[in-house]
Protein backbone atom coordinates (compact mmCIF):
# COMPACT_ATOMS: atom_id res chain seq x y z
CA MET A 1 73.62 201.09 -75.84
CA LYS A 2 74.74 204.70 -75.71
CA ARG A 3 73.42 207.04 -73.04
CA ARG A 4 71.30 209.20 -75.39
CA GLU A 5 69.76 206.09 -76.98
CA GLU A 6 68.76 204.86 -73.51
CA TRP A 7 67.30 208.27 -72.70
CA ARG A 8 65.34 208.27 -75.99
CA ARG A 9 63.52 205.08 -75.00
CA VAL A 10 62.56 206.67 -71.69
CA LEU A 11 61.50 209.88 -73.41
CA GLU A 12 59.35 208.00 -75.94
CA ALA A 13 57.60 206.11 -73.12
CA GLU A 14 56.90 209.35 -71.24
CA VAL A 15 55.60 211.09 -74.37
CA ARG A 16 53.23 208.15 -74.97
CA LEU A 17 52.03 208.34 -71.35
CA TRP A 18 51.36 212.09 -71.35
CA SER A 19 50.05 212.37 -74.90
CA ALA A 20 47.33 209.81 -74.11
CA MET A 21 45.69 212.43 -71.87
CA SER A 22 43.03 214.88 -73.00
CA CYS A 23 43.77 218.61 -73.11
CA ASP A 24 41.71 219.13 -69.94
CA GLN A 25 43.63 216.38 -68.14
CA LEU A 26 46.96 217.90 -69.18
CA ILE A 27 45.95 221.36 -67.97
CA SER A 28 44.79 219.91 -64.66
CA ALA A 29 47.94 217.80 -64.20
CA LEU A 30 50.38 220.57 -65.16
CA PRO A 31 49.53 223.76 -63.23
CA ASP A 32 53.30 223.90 -62.54
CA VAL A 33 56.31 222.06 -63.93
CA GLN A 34 56.19 218.42 -62.83
CA THR A 35 59.50 216.77 -61.95
CA TYR A 36 59.83 213.18 -60.85
CA GLU A 37 62.15 210.20 -60.96
CA ILE A 38 61.42 206.87 -62.61
CA GLU A 39 63.25 203.60 -62.89
CA PHE A 40 63.51 202.14 -66.37
CA GLU A 41 65.41 198.90 -66.98
CA SER A 42 67.10 199.16 -63.55
CA LYS A 43 68.36 202.72 -64.12
CA LYS A 44 67.01 205.94 -62.62
CA TYR A 45 65.99 208.90 -64.74
CA GLN A 46 64.80 212.42 -63.97
CA ILE A 47 61.70 213.56 -65.86
CA GLU A 48 60.45 217.12 -66.26
CA VAL A 49 57.05 217.84 -67.83
CA GLU A 50 55.84 221.36 -68.54
CA LEU A 51 52.80 222.99 -70.09
CA LEU A 52 54.43 225.23 -72.70
CA GLU A 53 51.30 226.73 -74.28
CA ASN A 54 47.60 226.71 -73.49
CA THR A 55 45.69 228.32 -76.34
CA ASP A 56 42.08 228.20 -77.50
CA ASN A 57 43.06 225.67 -80.18
CA TYR A 58 45.69 223.46 -78.56
CA VAL A 59 47.85 222.59 -75.56
CA HIS A 60 51.62 222.26 -76.08
CA VAL A 61 53.54 220.06 -73.60
CA GLY A 62 57.32 219.68 -73.25
CA ILE A 63 59.07 216.68 -71.70
CA ALA A 64 62.75 216.36 -70.80
CA VAL A 65 64.78 213.35 -69.57
CA ASP A 66 68.21 213.10 -67.99
CA ASN A 67 69.99 210.80 -65.57
CA GLY A 68 70.18 213.30 -62.71
CA ARG A 69 73.93 213.84 -62.91
CA PHE A 70 74.76 217.52 -62.85
CA TRP A 71 76.68 217.91 -66.12
CA ARG A 72 74.38 215.61 -68.07
CA ALA A 73 71.31 217.31 -66.62
CA MET A 74 72.55 220.53 -68.20
CA ARG A 75 71.74 218.99 -71.59
CA PRO A 76 68.65 216.78 -71.25
CA LEU A 77 66.98 214.96 -74.10
CA SER A 78 63.65 216.61 -74.79
CA SER A 79 60.58 216.50 -76.97
CA SER A 80 57.16 218.10 -77.11
CA PHE A 81 53.72 217.35 -78.44
CA ILE A 82 50.52 219.22 -79.21
CA CYS A 83 47.07 218.17 -78.04
CA LYS A 84 44.46 219.77 -80.29
CA ARG A 85 41.23 220.86 -78.68
CA THR A 86 38.07 219.42 -80.17
CA ALA A 87 35.80 221.73 -82.14
CA GLY A 88 33.01 223.44 -80.27
CA LEU A 89 34.89 224.07 -77.03
């Protein structure tokens, strides 16, 4: 499996994890950029999660994955998602 395909599986898992949270949970968990390392199928990956936007209507979160090697970390695989706030808040 090619490197970017491996990273995509990690990225998809992280997006599922973070997008399961409510807007309030995301805001609380992401006062600053969160960076951490995970092991996925015996390989280590660097994850970066950032609150991109916090508006009255939605929260926008960005997630990036790389393998921690300098040159590859310069071009991580990334995605983002939007958590819509419920009406009446």
